[in-house]
Amino acid sequence: MFFVDLSLYQKERKIFKIHLLKSGILLNEEDIEKVALLSEGFCGLKIKQGGVSTFYSLCGKLNSEIIISEITKTTPLSVIKKSDFDFIRSWANERALVKV
């Protein structure tokens, strides 16, 4: 059995940059900072899905306000299932053979 914890802020920034670049979308560092801060607690897949939702909702024109709007429409699993994540995190910390 293995457990991979949720990403941290710096990882969220990198995930956003990767998915935006793959989509050919260029945002400045300030805008990436905004969306990364709002996505705290989101896993990488949810960050990617936020980008996909944004793309479909805007029909070709993207800016940080649209991304922020899409992020705020979603509640991350880390909030919905906080007690479950806390339990699994505690369990993993007590029993892990390898800590990252």
PDB file of N, CA and C in Angstrom:
ATOM      1  N   MET A   1       0.848  -1.173   0.000  1.00  0.00           N
ATOM      2  CA  MET A   1       0.000   0.000   0.000  1.00  0.00           C
ATOM      3  C   MET A   1       0.892   1.234   0.000  1.00  0.00           C
ATOM      4  N   PHE A   2       0.441   2.281  -0.667  1.00  0.00           N
ATOM      5  CA  PHE A   2       1.216   3.506  -0.675  1.00  0.00           C
ATOM      6  C   PHE A   2       0.294   4.702  -0.537  1.00  0.00           C
ATOM      7  N   PHE A   3       0.856   5.816  -0.126  1.00  0.00           N
ATOM      8  CA  PHE A   3       0.111   7.057   0.071  1.00  0.00           C
ATOM      9  C   PHE A   3       0.934   8.198  -0.491  1.00  0.00           C
ATOM     10  N   VAL A   4       0.322   8.983  -1.348  1.00  0.00           N
ATOM     11  CA  VAL A   4       0.975  10.162  -1.899  1.00  0.00           C
ATOM     12  C   VAL A   4       0.167  11.360  -1.451  1.00  0.00           C
ATOM     13  N   ASP A   5       0.780  12.240  -0.700  1.00  0.00           N
ATOM     14  CA  ASP A   5       0.074  13.396  -0.144  1.00  0.00           C
ATOM     15  C   ASP A   5      -0.233  14.422  -1.239  1.00  0.00           C
ATOM     16  N   LEU A   6      -1.079  15.373  -0.903  1.00  0.00           N
ATOM     17  CA  LEU A   6      -1.453  16.439  -1.829  1.00  0.00           C
ATOM     18  C   LEU A   6      -0.259  17.334  -2.124  1.00  0.00           C
ATOM     19  N   SER A   7      -0.327  18.006  -3.265  1.00  0.00           N
ATOM     20  CA  SER A   7       0.781  18.876  -3.648  1.00  0.00           C
ATOM     21  C   SER A   7       0.827  20.123  -2.775  1.00  0.00           C
ATOM     22  N   LEU A   8       1.997  20.717  -2.713  1.00  0.00           N
ATOM     23  CA  LEU A   8       2.189  21.954  -1.981  1.00  0.00           C
ATOM     24  C   LEU A   8       2.198  23.116  -2.957  1.00  0.00           C
ATOM     25  N   TYR A   9       2.159  24.321  -2.443  1.00  0.00           N
ATOM     26  CA  TYR A   9       2.024  25.522  -3.259  1.00  0.00           C
ATOM     27  C   TYR A   9       3.002  25.587  -4.430  1.00  0.00           C
ATOM     28  N   GLN A  10       4.288  25.351  -4.192  1.00  0.00           N
ATOM     29  CA  GLN A  10       5.272  25.444  -5.276  1.00  0.00           C
ATOM     30  C   GLN A  10       4.987  24.407  -6.368  1.00  0.00           C
ATOM     31  N   LYS A  11       4.528  23.237  -5.959  1.00  0.00           N
ATOM     32  CA  LYS A  11       4.180  22.220  -6.945  1.00  0.00           C
ATOM     33  C   LYS A  11       2.947  22.650  -7.736  1.00  0.00           C
ATOM     34  N   GLU A  12       1.993  23.283  -7.070  1.00  0.00           N
ATOM     35  CA  GLU A  12       0.795  23.750  -7.760  1.00  0.00           C
ATOM     36  C   GLU A  12       1.159  24.777  -8.829  1.00  0.00           C
ATOM     37  N   ARG A  13       2.093  25.653  -8.518  1.00  0.00           N
ATOM     38  CA  ARG A  13       2.560  26.645  -9.506  1.00  0.00           C
ATOM     39  C   ARG A  13       3.132  25.931 -10.729  1.00  0.00           C
ATOM     40  N   LYS A  14       3.974  24.933 -10.464  1.00  0.00           N
ATOM     41  CA  LYS A  14       4.601  24.198 -11.563  1.00  0.00           C
ATOM     42  C   LYS A  14       3.560  23.440 -12.388  1.00  0.00           C
ATOM     43  N   ILE A  15       2.593  22.835 -11.711  1.00  0.00           N
ATOM     44  CA  ILE A  15       1.541  22.097 -12.419  1.00  0.00           C
ATOM     45  C   ILE A  15       0.767  23.045 -13.330  1.00  0.00           C
ATOM     46  N   PHE A  16       0.400  24.226 -12.813  1.00  0.00           N
ATOM     47  CA  PHE A  16      -0.292  25.213 -13.644  1.00  0.00           C
ATOM     48  C   PHE A  16       0.547  25.602 -14.850  1.00  0.00           C
ATOM     49  N   LYS A  17       1.812  25.892 -14.622  1.00  0.00           N
ATOM     50  CA  LYS A  17       2.686  26.306 -15.724  1.00  0.00           C
ATOM     51  C   LYS A  17       2.760  25.226 -16.802  1.00  0.00           C
ATOM     52  N   ILE A  18       2.904  23.986 -16.386  1.00  0.00           N
ATOM     53  CA  ILE A  18       2.994  22.877 -17.336  1.00  0.00           C
ATOM     54  C   ILE A  18       1.726  22.779 -18.179  1.00  0.00           C
ATOM     55  N   HIS A  19       0.562  22.782 -17.519  1.00  0.00           N
ATOM     56  CA  HIS A  19      -0.690  22.604 -18.254  1.00  0.00           C
ATOM     57  C   HIS A  19      -1.031  23.812 -19.110  1.00  0.00           C
ATOM     58  N   LEU A  20      -0.689  24.996 -18.645  1.00  0.00           N
ATOM     59  CA  LEU A  20      -0.940  26.182 -19.457  1.00  0.00           C
ATOM     60  C   LEU A  20      -0.045  26.189 -20.695  1.00  0.00           C
ATOM     61  N   LEU A  21       1.230  25.837 -20.505  1.00  0.00           N
ATOM     62  CA  LEU A  21       2.148  25.791 -21.647  1.00  0.00           C
ATOM     63  C   LEU A  21       1.731  24.730 -22.664  1.00  0.00           C
ATOM     64  N   LYS A  22       1.291  23.562 -22.171  1.00  0.00           N
ATOM     65  CA  LYS A  22       0.832  22.509 -23.071  1.00  0.00           C
ATOM     66  C   LYS A  22      -0.369  22.976 -23.895  1.00  0.00           C
ATOM     67  N   SER A  23      -1.154  23.867 -23.317  1.00  0.00           N
ATOM     68  CA  SER A  23      -2.334  24.383 -24.011  1.00  0.00           C
ATOM     69  C   SER A  23      -2.007  25.603 -24.859  1.00  0.00           C
ATOM     70  N   GLY A  24      -0.744  26.042 -24.830  1.00  0.00           N
ATOM     71  CA  GLY A  24      -0.350  27.215 -25.596  1.00  0.00           C
ATOM     72  C   GLY A  24      -0.817  28.517 -24.973  1.00  0.00           C
ATOM     73  N   ILE A  25      -1.053  28.498 -23.677  1.00  0.00           N
ATOM     74  CA  ILE A  25      -1.553  29.673 -22.956  1.00  0.00           C
ATOM     75  C   ILE A  25      -0.408  30.281 -22.163  1.00  0.00           C
ATOM     76  N   LEU A  26      -0.188  31.558 -22.344  1.00  0.00           N
ATOM     77  CA  LEU A  26       0.877  32.252 -21.636  1.00  0.00           C
ATOM     78  C   LEU A  26       0.283  33.219 -20.625  1.00  0.00           C
ATOM     79  N   LEU A  27       0.576  32.994 -19.365  1.00  0.00           N
ATOM     80  CA  LEU A  27       0.191  33.922 -18.300  1.00  0.00           C
ATOM     81  C   LEU A  27       1.467  34.456 -17.675  1.00  0.00           C
ATOM     82  N   ASN A  28       1.402  35.675 -17.170  1.00  0.00           N
ATOM     83  CA  ASN A  28       2.582  36.212 -16.499  1.00  0.00           C
ATOM     84  C   ASN A  28       2.706  35.588 -15.106  1.00  0.00           C
ATOM     85  N   GLU A  29       3.859  35.775 -14.484  1.00  0.00           N
ATOM     86  CA  GLU A  29       4.134  35.155 -13.181  1.00  0.00           C
ATOM     87  C   GLU A  29       3.135  35.597 -12.116  1.00  0.00           C
ATOM     88  N   GLU A  30       2.721  36.848 -12.167  1.00  0.00           N
ATOM     89  CA  GLU A  30       1.752  37.357 -11.186  1.00  0.00           C
ATOM     90  C   GLU A  30       0.426  36.615 -11.295  1.00  0.00           C
ATOM     91  N   ASP A  31      -0.034  36.367 -12.515  1.00  0.00           N
ATOM     92  CA  ASP A  31      -1.290  35.645 -12.705  1.00  0.00           C
ATOM     93  C   ASP A  31      -1.170  34.178 -12.299  1.00  0.00           C
ATOM     94  N   ILE A  32      -0.027  33.567 -12.598  1.00  0.00           N
ATOM     95  CA  ILE A  32       0.193  32.179 -12.167  1.00  0.00           C
ATOM     96  C   ILE A  32       0.192  32.111 -10.643  1.00  0.00           C
ATOM     97  N   GLU A  33       0.775  33.110 -10.017  1.00  0.00           N
ATOM     98  CA  GLU A  33       0.788  33.195  -8.544  1.00  0.00           C
ATOM     99  C   GLU A  33      -0.647  33.225  -7.999  1.00  0.00           C
ATOM    100  N   LYS A  34      -1.501  34.041  -8.610  1.00  0.00           N
ATOM    101  CA  LYS A  34      -2.896  34.164  -8.169  1.00  0.00           C
ATOM    102  C   LYS A  34      -3.629  32.826  -8.242  1.00  0.00           C
ATOM    103  N   VAL A  35      -3.536  32.173  -9.396  1.00  0.00           N
ATOM    104  CA  VAL A  35      -4.288  30.932  -9.554  1.00  0.00           C
ATOM    105  C   VAL A  35      -3.712  29.812  -8.699  1.00  0.00           C
ATOM    106  N   ALA A  36      -2.397  29.797  -8.481  1.00  0.00           N
ATOM    107  CA  ALA A  36      -1.786  28.775  -7.634  1.00  0.00           C
ATOM    108  C   ALA A  36      -2.226  28.950  -6.177  1.00  0.00           C
ATOM    109  N   LEU A  37      -2.298  30.177  -5.708  1.00  0.00           N
ATOM    110  CA  LEU A  37      -2.743  30.426  -4.327  1.00  0.00           C
ATOM    111  C   LEU A  37      -4.192  29.994  -4.131  1.00  0.00           C
ATOM    112  N   LEU A  38      -5.021  30.226  -5.120  1.00  0.00           N
ATOM    113  CA  LEU A  38      -6.432  29.842  -5.017  1.00  0.00           C
ATOM    114  C   LEU A  38      -6.640  28.340  -5.126  1.00  0.00           C
ATOM    115  N   SER A  39      -5.671  27.630  -5.671  1.00  0.00           N
ATOM    116  CA  SER A  39      -5.837  26.190  -5.877  1.00  0.00           C
ATOM    117  C   SER A  39      -5.231  25.365  -4.747  1.00  0.00           C
ATOM    118  N   GLU A  40      -4.949  25.993  -3.624  1.00  0.00           N
ATOM    119  CA  GLU A  40      -4.378  25.258  -2.490  1.00  0.00           C
ATOM    120  C   GLU A  40      -5.289  24.093  -2.117  1.00  0.00           C
ATOM    121  N   GLY A  41      -4.707  22.930  -1.967  1.00  0.00           N
ATOM    122  CA  GLY A  41      -5.459  21.742  -1.602  1.00  0.00           C
ATOM    123  C   GLY A  41      -5.959  20.937  -2.794  1.00  0.00           C
ATOM    124  N   PHE A  42      -5.791  21.455  -4.004  1.00  0.00           N
ATOM    125  CA  PHE A  42      -6.185  20.720  -5.194  1.00  0.00           C
ATOM    126  C   PHE A  42      -5.068  19.751  -5.568  1.00  0.00           C
ATOM    127  N   CYS A  43      -5.437  18.575  -6.045  1.00  0.00           N
ATOM    128  CA  CYS A  43      -4.430  17.655  -6.557  1.00  0.00           C
ATOM    129  C   CYS A  43      -4.111  18.048  -7.999  1.00  0.00           C
ATOM    130  N   GLY A  44      -3.057  17.488  -8.546  1.00  0.00           N
ATOM    131  CA  GLY A  44      -2.642  17.823  -9.904  1.00  0.00           C
ATOM    132  C   GLY A  44      -3.738  17.603 -10.932  1.00  0.00           C
ATOM    133  N   LEU A  45      -4.499  16.509 -10.783  1.00  0.00           N
ATOM    134  CA  LEU A  45      -5.567  16.213 -11.727  1.00  0.00           C
ATOM    135  C   LEU A  45      -6.660  17.286 -11.680  1.00  0.00           C
ATOM    136  N   LYS A  46      -6.992  17.762 -10.488  1.00  0.00           N
ATOM    137  CA  LYS A  46      -8.012  18.813 -10.362  1.00  0.00           C
ATOM    138  C   LYS A  46      -7.517  20.128 -10.945  1.00  0.00           C
ATOM    139  N   ILE A  47      -6.235  20.408 -10.805  1.00  0.00           N
ATOM    140  CA  ILE A  47      -5.667  21.610 -11.415  1.00  0.00           C
ATOM    141  C   ILE A  47      -5.779  21.506 -12.932  1.00  0.00           C
ATOM    142  N   LYS A  48      -5.428  20.334 -13.464  1.00  0.00           N
ATOM    143  CA  LYS A  48      -5.545  20.124 -14.912  1.00  0.00           C
ATOM    144  C   LYS A  48      -7.000  20.256 -15.342  1.00  0.00           C
ATOM    145  N   GLN A  49      -7.912  19.665 -14.598  1.00  0.00           N
ATOM    146  CA  GLN A  49      -9.330  19.729 -14.948  1.00  0.00           C
ATOM    147  C   GLN A  49      -9.835  21.163 -14.901  1.00  0.00           C
ATOM    148  N   GLY A  50      -9.319  21.954 -13.968  1.00  0.00           N
ATOM    149  CA  GLY A  50      -9.681  23.374 -13.928  1.00  0.00           C
ATOM    150  C   GLY A  50      -9.302  24.075 -15.218  1.00  0.00           C
ATOM    151  N   GLY A  51      -8.149  23.704 -15.747  1.00  0.00           N
ATOM    152  CA  GLY A  51      -7.716  24.266 -17.022  1.00  0.00           C
ATOM    153  C   GLY A  51      -8.611  23.834 -18.167  1.00  0.00           C
ATOM    154  N   VAL A  52      -9.009  22.552 -18.164  1.00  0.00           N
ATOM    155  CA  VAL A  52      -9.904  22.046 -19.209  1.00  0.00           C
ATOM    156  C   VAL A  52     -11.258  22.741 -19.124  1.00  0.00           C
ATOM    157  N   SER A  53     -11.803  22.864 -17.912  1.00  0.00           N
ATOM    158  CA  SER A  53     -13.093  23.550 -17.728  1.00  0.00           C
ATOM    159  C   SER A  53     -13.011  24.989 -18.200  1.00  0.00           C
ATOM    160  N   THR A  54     -11.906  25.624 -17.868  1.00  0.00           N
ATOM    161  CA  THR A  54     -11.698  27.004 -18.291  1.00  0.00           C
ATOM    162  C   THR A  54     -11.706  27.099 -19.813  1.00  0.00           C
ATOM    163  N   PHE A  55     -10.979  26.197 -20.451  1.00  0.00           N
ATOM    164  CA  PHE A  55     -10.893  26.215 -21.906  1.00  0.00           C
ATOM    165  C   PHE A  55     -12.274  26.092 -22.543  1.00  0.00           C
ATOM    166  N   TYR A  56     -13.072  25.155 -22.048  1.00  0.00           N
ATOM    167  CA  TYR A  56     -14.404  24.954 -22.621  1.00  0.00           C
ATOM    168  C   TYR A  56     -15.345  26.119 -22.338  1.00  0.00           C
ATOM    169  N   SER A  57     -15.160  26.785 -21.204  1.00  0.00           N
ATOM    170  CA  SER A  57     -16.066  27.878 -20.860  1.00  0.00           C
ATOM    171  C   SER A  57     -15.741  29.177 -21.590  1.00  0.00           C
ATOM    172  N   LEU A  58     -14.525  29.308 -22.088  1.00  0.00           N
ATOM    173  CA  LEU A  58     -14.164  30.593 -22.682  1.00  0.00           C
ATOM    174  C   LEU A  58     -14.106  30.611 -24.198  1.00  0.00           C
ATOM    175  N   CYS A  59     -14.185  29.454 -24.817  1.00  0.00           N
ATOM    176  CA  CYS A  59     -14.198  29.373 -26.287  1.00  0.00           C
ATOM    177  C   CYS A  59     -13.021  30.107 -26.920  1.00  0.00           C
ATOM    178  N   GLY A  60     -11.844  29.977 -26.366  1.00  0.00           N
ATOM    179  CA  GLY A  60     -10.655  30.487 -27.020  1.00  0.00           C
ATOM    180  C   GLY A  60      -9.967  31.679 -26.385  1.00  0.00           C
ATOM    181  N   LYS A  61     -10.604  32.436 -25.507  1.00  0.00           N
ATOM    182  CA  LYS A  61      -9.949  33.592 -24.897  1.00  0.00           C
ATOM    183  C   LYS A  61      -9.731  33.311 -23.413  1.00  0.00           C
ATOM    184  N   LEU A  62      -8.476  33.367 -22.992  1.00  0.00           N
ATOM    185  CA  LEU A  62      -8.139  33.003 -21.617  1.00  0.00           C
ATOM    186  C   LEU A  62      -7.401  34.120 -20.913  1.00  0.00           C
ATOM    187  N   ASN A  63      -7.765  34.337 -19.658  1.00  0.00           N
ATOM    188  CA  ASN A  63      -7.001  35.236 -18.800  1.00  0.00           C
ATOM    189  C   ASN A  63      -7.131  34.733 -17.368  1.00  0.00           C
ATOM    190  N   SER A  64      -6.401  35.342 -16.466  1.00  0.00           N
ATOM    191  CA  SER A  64      -6.383  34.841 -15.086  1.00  0.00           C
ATOM    192  C   SER A  64      -7.744  34.963 -14.411  1.00  0.00           C
ATOM    193  N   GLU A  65      -8.544  35.964 -14.763  1.00  0.00           N
ATOM    194  CA  GLU A  65      -9.859  36.113 -14.141  1.00  0.00           C
ATOM    195  C   GLU A  65     -10.761  34.922 -14.458  1.00  0.00           C
ATOM    196  N   ILE A  66     -10.670  34.412 -15.681  1.00  0.00           N
ATOM    197  CA  ILE A  66     -11.484  33.259 -16.063  1.00  0.00           C
ATOM    198  C   ILE A  66     -11.012  32.015 -15.311  1.00  0.00           C
ATOM    199  N   ILE A  67      -9.703  31.836 -15.206  1.00  0.00           N
ATOM    200  CA  ILE A  67      -9.178  30.685 -14.461  1.00  0.00           C
ATOM    201  C   ILE A  67      -9.603  30.779 -12.998  1.00  0.00           C
ATOM    202  N   ILE A  68      -9.479  31.952 -12.409  1.00  0.00           N
ATOM    203  CA  ILE A  68      -9.871  32.154 -11.011  1.00  0.00           C
ATOM    204  C   ILE A  68     -11.353  31.837 -10.828  1.00  0.00           C
ATOM    205  N   SER A  69     -12.182  32.270 -11.759  1.00  0.00           N
ATOM    206  CA  SER A  69     -13.613  31.990 -11.698  1.00  0.00           C
ATOM    207  C   SER A  69     -13.876  30.491 -11.697  1.00  0.00           C
ATOM    208  N   GLU A  70     -13.187  29.762 -12.559  1.00  0.00           N
ATOM    209  CA  GLU A  70     -13.374  28.311 -12.630  1.00  0.00           C
ATOM    210  C   GLU A  70     -12.881  27.618 -11.362  1.00  0.00           C
ATOM    211  N   ILE A  71     -11.760  28.055 -10.812  1.00  0.00           N
ATOM    212  CA  ILE A  71     -11.229  27.451  -9.584  1.00  0.00           C
ATOM    213  C   ILE A  71     -12.194  27.654  -8.425  1.00  0.00           C
ATOM    214  N   THR A  72     -12.759  28.862  -8.316  1.00  0.00           N
ATOM    215  CA  THR A  72     -13.643  29.148  -7.183  1.00  0.00           C
ATOM    216  C   THR A  72     -14.985  28.428  -7.285  1.00  0.00           C
ATOM    217  N   LYS A  73     -15.293  27.839  -8.426  1.00  0.00           N
ATOM    218  CA  LYS A  73     -16.520  27.054  -8.579  1.00  0.00           C
ATOM    219  C   LYS A  73     -16.342  25.628  -8.080  1.00  0.00           C
ATOM    220  N   THR A  74     -15.118  25.254  -7.745  1.00  0.00           N
ATOM    221  CA  THR A  74     -14.797  23.882  -7.364  1.00  0.00           C
ATOM    222  C   THR A  74     -14.330  23.832  -5.917  1.00  0.00           C
ATOM    223  N   THR A  75     -14.814  22.843  -5.187  1.00  0.00           N
ATOM    224  CA  THR A  75     -14.324  22.597  -3.834  1.00  0.00           C
ATOM    225  C   THR A  75     -13.366  21.419  -3.911  1.00  0.00           C
ATOM    226  N   PRO A  76     -12.113  21.621  -3.488  1.00  0.00           N
ATOM    227  CA  PRO A  76     -11.152  20.519  -3.598  1.00  0.00           C
ATOM    228  C   PRO A  76     -11.507  19.350  -2.687  1.00  0.00           C
ATOM    229  N   LEU A  77     -11.128  18.169  -3.133  1.00  0.00           N
ATOM    230  CA  LEU A  77     -11.357  16.964  -2.359  1.00  0.00           C
ATOM    231  C   LEU A  77     -10.708  17.063  -0.985  1.00  0.00           C
ATOM    232  N   SER A  78      -9.600  17.795  -0.886  1.00  0.00           N
ATOM    233  CA  SER A  78      -8.903  17.941   0.399  1.00  0.00           C
ATOM    234  C   SER A  78      -9.747  18.688   1.423  1.00  0.00           C
ATOM    235  N   VAL A  79     -10.718  19.464   0.965  1.00  0.00           N
ATOM    236  CA  VAL A  79     -11.639  20.163   1.871  1.00  0.00           C
ATOM    237  C   VAL A  79     -12.843  19.271   2.172  1.00  0.00           C
ATOM    238  N   ILE A  80     -13.404  18.671   1.122  1.00  0.00           N
ATOM    239  CA  ILE A  80     -14.590  17.818   1.286  1.00  0.00           C
ATOM    240  C   ILE A  80     -14.291  16.628   2.186  1.00  0.00           C
ATOM    241  N   LYS A  81     -13.121  16.035   2.008  1.00  0.00           N
ATOM    242  CA  LYS A  81     -12.739  14.825   2.744  1.00  0.00           C
ATOM    243  C   LYS A  81     -11.572  15.082   3.695  1.00  0.00           C
ATOM    244  N   LYS A  82     -11.536  16.278   4.321  1.00  0.00           N
ATOM    245  CA  LYS A  82     -10.411  16.663   5.169  1.00  0.00           C
ATOM    246  C   LYS A  82     -10.113  15.631   6.254  1.00  0.00           C
ATOM    247  N   SER A  83     -11.136  15.152   6.951  1.00  0.00           N
ATOM    248  CA  SER A  83     -10.885  14.199   8.041  1.00  0.00           C
ATOM    249  C   SER A  83     -10.301  12.896   7.502  1.00  0.00           C
ATOM    250  N   ASP A  84     -10.729  12.460   6.315  1.00  0.00           N
ATOM    251  CA  ASP A  84     -10.168  11.252   5.717  1.00  0.00           C
ATOM    252  C   ASP A  84      -8.685  11.448   5.376  1.00  0.00           C
ATOM    253  N   PHE A  85      -8.366  12.599   4.779  1.00  0.00           N
ATOM    254  CA  PHE A  85      -6.969  12.884   4.439  1.00  0.00           C
ATOM    255  C   PHE A  85      -6.112  12.983   5.689  1.00  0.00           C
ATOM    256  N   ASP A  86      -6.623  13.635   6.719  1.00  0.00           N
ATOM    257  CA  ASP A  86      -5.862  13.757   7.972  1.00  0.00           C
ATOM    258  C   ASP A  86      -5.581  12.382   8.571  1.00  0.00           C
ATOM    259  N   PHE A  87      -6.596  11.498   8.551  1.00  0.00           N
ATOM    260  CA  PHE A  87      -6.419  10.149   9.084  1.00  0.00           C
ATOM    261  C   PHE A  87      -5.370   9.377   8.287  1.00  0.00           C
ATOM    262  N   ILE A  88      -5.480   9.400   6.951  1.00  0.00           N
ATOM    263  CA  ILE A  88      -4.537   8.664   6.103  1.00  0.00           C
ATOM    264  C   ILE A  88      -3.125   9.234   6.248  1.00  0.00           C
ATOM    265  N   ARG A  89      -3.023  10.554   6.325  1.00  0.00           N
ATOM    266  CA  ARG A  89      -1.719  11.197   6.484  1.00  0.00           C
ATOM    267  C   ARG A  89      -1.078  10.762   7.809  1.00  0.00           C
ATOM    268  N   SER A  90      -1.858  10.747   8.871  1.00  0.00           N
ATOM    269  CA  SER A  90      -1.359  10.321  10.181  1.00  0.00           C
ATOM    270  C   SER A  90      -0.943   8.848  10.140  1.00  0.00           C
ATOM    271  N   TRP A  91      -1.786   8.020   9.546  1.00  0.00           N
ATOM    272  CA  TRP A  91      -1.482   6.602   9.418  1.00  0.00           C
ATOM    273  C   TRP A  91      -0.176   6.405   8.653  1.00  0.00           C
ATOM    274  N   ALA A  92      -0.024   7.119   7.540  1.00  0.00           N
ATOM    275  CA  ALA A  92       1.181   6.979   6.710  1.00  0.00           C
ATOM    276  C   ALA A  92       2.429   7.439   7.460  1.00  0.00           C
ATOM    277  N   ASN A  93       2.319   8.521   8.219  1.00  0.00           N
ATOM    278  CA  ASN A  93       3.479   9.029   8.959  1.00  0.00           C
ATOM    279  C   ASN A  93       3.946   8.051  10.022  1.00  0.00           C
ATOM    280  N   GLU A  94       3.006   7.314  10.619  1.00  0.00           N
ATOM    281  CA  GLU A  94       3.352   6.357  11.673  1.00  0.00           C
ATOM    282  C   GLU A  94       3.941   5.072  11.099  1.00  0.00           C
ATOM    283  N   ARG A  95       3.548   4.692   9.895  1.00  0.00           N
ATOM    284  CA  ARG A  95       3.911   3.381   9.366  1.00  0.00           C
ATOM    285  C   ARG A  95       4.807   3.397   8.142  1.00  0.00           C
ATOM    286  N   ALA A  96       5.097   4.547   7.636  1.00  0.00           N
ATOM    287  CA  ALA A  96       5.846   4.620   6.377  1.00  0.00           C
ATOM    288  C   ALA A  96       7.252   4.059   6.507  1.00  0.00           C
ATOM    289  N   LEU A  97       7.625   3.275   5.514  1.00  0.00           N
ATOM    290  CA  LEU A  97       8.997   2.778   5.450  1.00  0.00           C
ATOM    291  C   LEU A  97       9.913   3.837   4.853  1.00  0.00           C
ATOM    292  N   VAL A  98       9.358   4.591   3.915  1.00  0.00           N
ATOM    293  CA  VAL A  98      10.109   5.655   3.259  1.00  0.00           C
ATOM    294  C   VAL A  98       9.295   6.930   3.362  1.00  0.00           C
ATOM    295  N   LYS A  99       9.876   7.950   3.952  1.00  0.00           N
ATOM    296  CA  LYS A  99       9.190   9.248   4.054  1.00  0.00           C
ATOM    297  C   LYS A  99       9.800  10.201   3.073  1.00  0.00           C
ATOM    298  N   VAL A 100       8.946  10.917   2.374  1.00  0.00           N
ATOM    299  CA  VAL A 100       9.412  11.858   1.364  1.00  0.00           C
ATOM    300  C   VAL A 100       9.254  13.263   1.876  1.00  0.00           C
TER     301      VAL A 100
END
